[in-house]
C-alpha atoms as a PDB file:
ATOM      1  CA  MET A   1     134.328 199.611 198.376  1.00  0.00           C
ATOM      2  CA  PHE A   2     137.575 200.016 196.410  1.00  0.00           C
ATOM      3  CA  ASP A   3     139.809 200.777 199.341  1.00  0.00           C
ATOM      4  CA  ASN A   4     142.586 198.444 198.218  1.00  0.00           C
ATOM      5  CA  PRO A   5     144.160 197.856 194.793  1.00  0.00           C
ATOM      6  CA  PHE A   6     143.213 194.167 194.715  1.00  0.00           C
ATOM      7  CA  SER A   7     139.481 194.912 194.771  1.00  0.00           C
ATOM      8  CA  MET A   8     139.961 197.421 191.921  1.00  0.00           C
ATOM      9  CA  VAL A   9     141.735 194.803 189.825  1.00  0.00           C
ATOM     10  CA  VAL A  10     138.976 192.279 190.496  1.00  0.00           C
ATOM     11  CA  ALA A  11     136.329 194.852 189.537  1.00  0.00           C
ATOM     12  CA  ILE A  12     138.135 195.721 186.278  1.00  0.00           C
ATOM     13  CA  VAL A  13     138.510 192.059 185.332  1.00  0.00           C
ATOM     14  CA  PHE A  14     134.830 191.463 186.085  1.00  0.00           C
ATOM     15  CA  ILE A  15     133.760 194.432 183.934  1.00  0.00           C
ATOM     16  CA  VAL A  16     135.930 193.249 181.012  1.00  0.00           C
ATOM     17  CA  MET A  17     134.485 189.734 181.265  1.00  0.00           C
ATOM     18  CA  ILE A  18     130.923 191.040 181.178  1.00  0.00           C
ATOM     19  CA  ALA A  19     131.766 193.275 178.202  1.00  0.00           C
ATOM     20  CA  ASN A  20     133.204 190.309 176.279  1.00  0.00           C
ATOM     21  CA  VAL A  21     130.125 188.185 176.960  1.00  0.00           C
ATOM     22  CA  LEU A  22     127.820 190.975 175.792  1.00  0.00           C
ATOM     23  CA  LYS A  23     129.943 191.547 172.676  1.00  0.00           C
ATOM     24  CA  ALA A  24     129.842 187.850 171.788  1.00  0.00           C
ATOM     25  CA  ARG A  25     126.088 187.736 172.304  1.00  0.00           C
ATOM     26  CA  TYR A  26     125.597 190.794 170.068  1.00  0.00           C
ATOM     27  CA  LYS A  27     127.731 189.286 167.312  1.00  0.00           C
ATOM     28  CA  ALA A  28     125.872 185.988 167.474  1.00  0.00           C
ATOM     29  CA  GLN A  29     122.476 187.674 167.252  1.00  0.00           C
ATOM     30  CA  HIS A  30     123.465 189.875 164.315  1.00  0.00           C
ATOM     31  CA  GLY A  31     125.329 187.247 162.307  1.00  0.00           C
ATOM     32  CA  ILE A  32     128.772 188.787 162.595  1.00  0.00           C
ATOM     33  CA  VAL A  33     131.769 186.473 162.256  1.00  0.00           C
ATOM     34  CA  GLU A  34     135.453 187.172 162.811  1.00  0.00           C
ATOM     35  CA  ASP A  35     138.389 185.614 161.008  1.00  0.00           C
ATOM     36  CA  ALA A  36     141.745 184.796 162.607  1.00  0.00           C
ATOM     37  CA  MET A  37     143.041 188.317 161.942  1.00  0.00           C
ATOM     38  CA  GLY A  38     140.099 189.929 163.759  1.00  0.00           C
ATOM     39  CA  ASN A  39     138.382 191.178 160.599  1.00  0.00           C
ATOM     40  CA  GLN A  40     134.615 191.160 160.932  1.00  0.00           C
ATOM     41  CA  LYS A  41     131.977 190.450 158.312  1.00  0.00           C
ATOM     42  CA  ARG A  42     128.292 189.712 158.310  1.00  0.00           C
ATOM     43  CA  THR A  43     127.069 186.332 157.202  1.00  0.00           C
ATOM     44  CA  THR A  44     124.866 186.546 154.165  1.00  0.00           C
ATOM     45  CA  LEU A  45     122.323 184.337 152.505  1.00  0.00           C
ATOM     46  CA  ALA A  46     125.021 183.235 150.052  1.00  0.00           C
ATOM     47  CA  ASP A  47     127.171 182.085 152.978  1.00  0.00           C
ATOM     48  CA  ASN A  48     124.251 180.100 154.328  1.00  0.00           C
ATOM     49  CA  ALA A  49     123.638 178.543 150.900  1.00  0.00           C
ATOM     50  CA  GLU A  50     127.314 177.624 150.672  1.00  0.00           C
ATOM     51  CA  THR A  51     127.165 176.097 154.142  1.00  0.00           C
ATOM     52  CA  GLN A  52     124.103 174.072 153.154  1.00  0.00           C
ATOM     53  CA  ARG A  53     125.826 172.853 149.972  1.00  0.00           C
ATOM     54  CA  LEU A  54     128.887 171.795 151.957  1.00  0.00           C
ATOM     55  CA  ARG A  55     126.716 169.938 154.466  1.00  0.00           C
ATOM     56  CA  GLU A  56     125.052 168.038 151.624  1.00  0.00           C
ATOM     57  CA  ASP A  57     128.481 167.148 150.220  1.00  0.00           C
ATOM     58  CA  VAL A  58     129.608 165.843 153.610  1.00  0.00           C
ATOM     59  CA  ARG A  59     126.404 163.820 153.971  1.00  0.00           C
ATOM     60  CA  ALA A  60     126.904 162.258 150.530  1.00  0.00           C
ATOM     61  CA  LEU A  61     130.531 161.427 151.312  1.00  0.00           C
ATOM     62  CA  LYS A  62     129.547 159.808 154.606  1.00  0.00           C
ATOM     63  CA  GLU A  63     127.039 157.623 152.764  1.00  0.00           C
ATOM     64  CA  ARG A  64     129.701 156.557 150.274  1.00  0.00           C
ATOM     65  CA  VAL A  65     132.118 155.702 153.075  1.00  0.00           C
ATOM     66  CA  GLN A  66     129.436 153.563 154.743  1.00  0.00           C
ATOM     67  CA  VAL A  67     128.842 151.694 151.499  1.00  0.00           C
ATOM     68  CA  LEU A  68     132.560 151.138 150.986  1.00  0.00           C
ATOM     69  CA  GLU A  69     132.968 149.904 154.558  1.00  0.00           C
ATOM     70  CA  ARG A  70     130.086 147.504 154.085  1.00  0.00           C
ATOM     71  CA  VAL A  71     131.538 146.218 150.815  1.00  0.00           C
ATOM     72  CA  ILE A  72     134.970 145.670 152.325  1.00  0.00           C
ATOM     73  CA  THR A  73     133.859 144.073 155.578  1.00  0.00           C
ATOM     74  CA  ASP A  74     131.241 141.727 154.136  1.00  0.00           C
ATOM     75  CA  GLN A  75     132.384 138.100 153.916  1.00  0.00           C
ATOM     76  CA  ARG A  76     130.553 137.326 150.696  1.00  0.00           C
ATOM     77  CA  GLN A  77     131.726 135.750 147.504  1.00  0.00           C
ATOM     78  CA  THR A  78     133.702 137.731 144.949  1.00  0.00           C
ATOM     79  CA  SER A  79     130.709 137.820 142.612  1.00  0.00           C
ATOM     80  CA  ASP A  80     128.711 139.698 145.260  1.00  0.00           C
ATOM     81  CA  LEU A  81     131.598 142.123 145.598  1.00  0.00           C
ATOM     82  CA  SER A  82     131.584 142.709 141.847  1.00  0.00           C
ATOM     83  CA  LEU A  83     127.853 143.425 141.970  1.00  0.00           C
ATOM     84  CA  GLU A  84     128.311 145.957 144.774  1.00  0.00           C
ATOM     85  CA  ILE A  85     131.067 147.725 142.846  1.00  0.00           C
ATOM     86  CA  GLU A  86     128.837 147.900 139.763  1.00  0.00           C
ATOM     87  CA  LYS A  87     126.028 149.371 141.871  1.00  0.00           C
ATOM     88  CA  LEU A  88     128.415 152.087 143.064  1.00  0.00           C
ATOM     89  CA  ARG A  89     129.428 152.872 139.487  1.00  0.00           C
ATOM     90  CA  ASP A  90     125.772 153.174 138.431  1.00  0.00           C
ATOM     91  CA  ARG A  91     125.170 155.960 140.953  1.00  0.00           C
END
């Protein structure tokens, strides 16, 4: 089966690829994350709460951007614009 060096190299590359896939799957199932330096840590409930808080912040900012876009692009009178700005301040 491994009578020439090329087939050995192919087999080694294949084994390494399978090992990397299995390692990634294990980390994903057990909540292990790696930073840029290769340090590993488990995700915790606090991390998930922080992620949820950040998602809510992003959602709120997207809503504000939509309102600002609507205010700027509407072709209404200046009094309507003043009312929209006051509504934003009241939030």
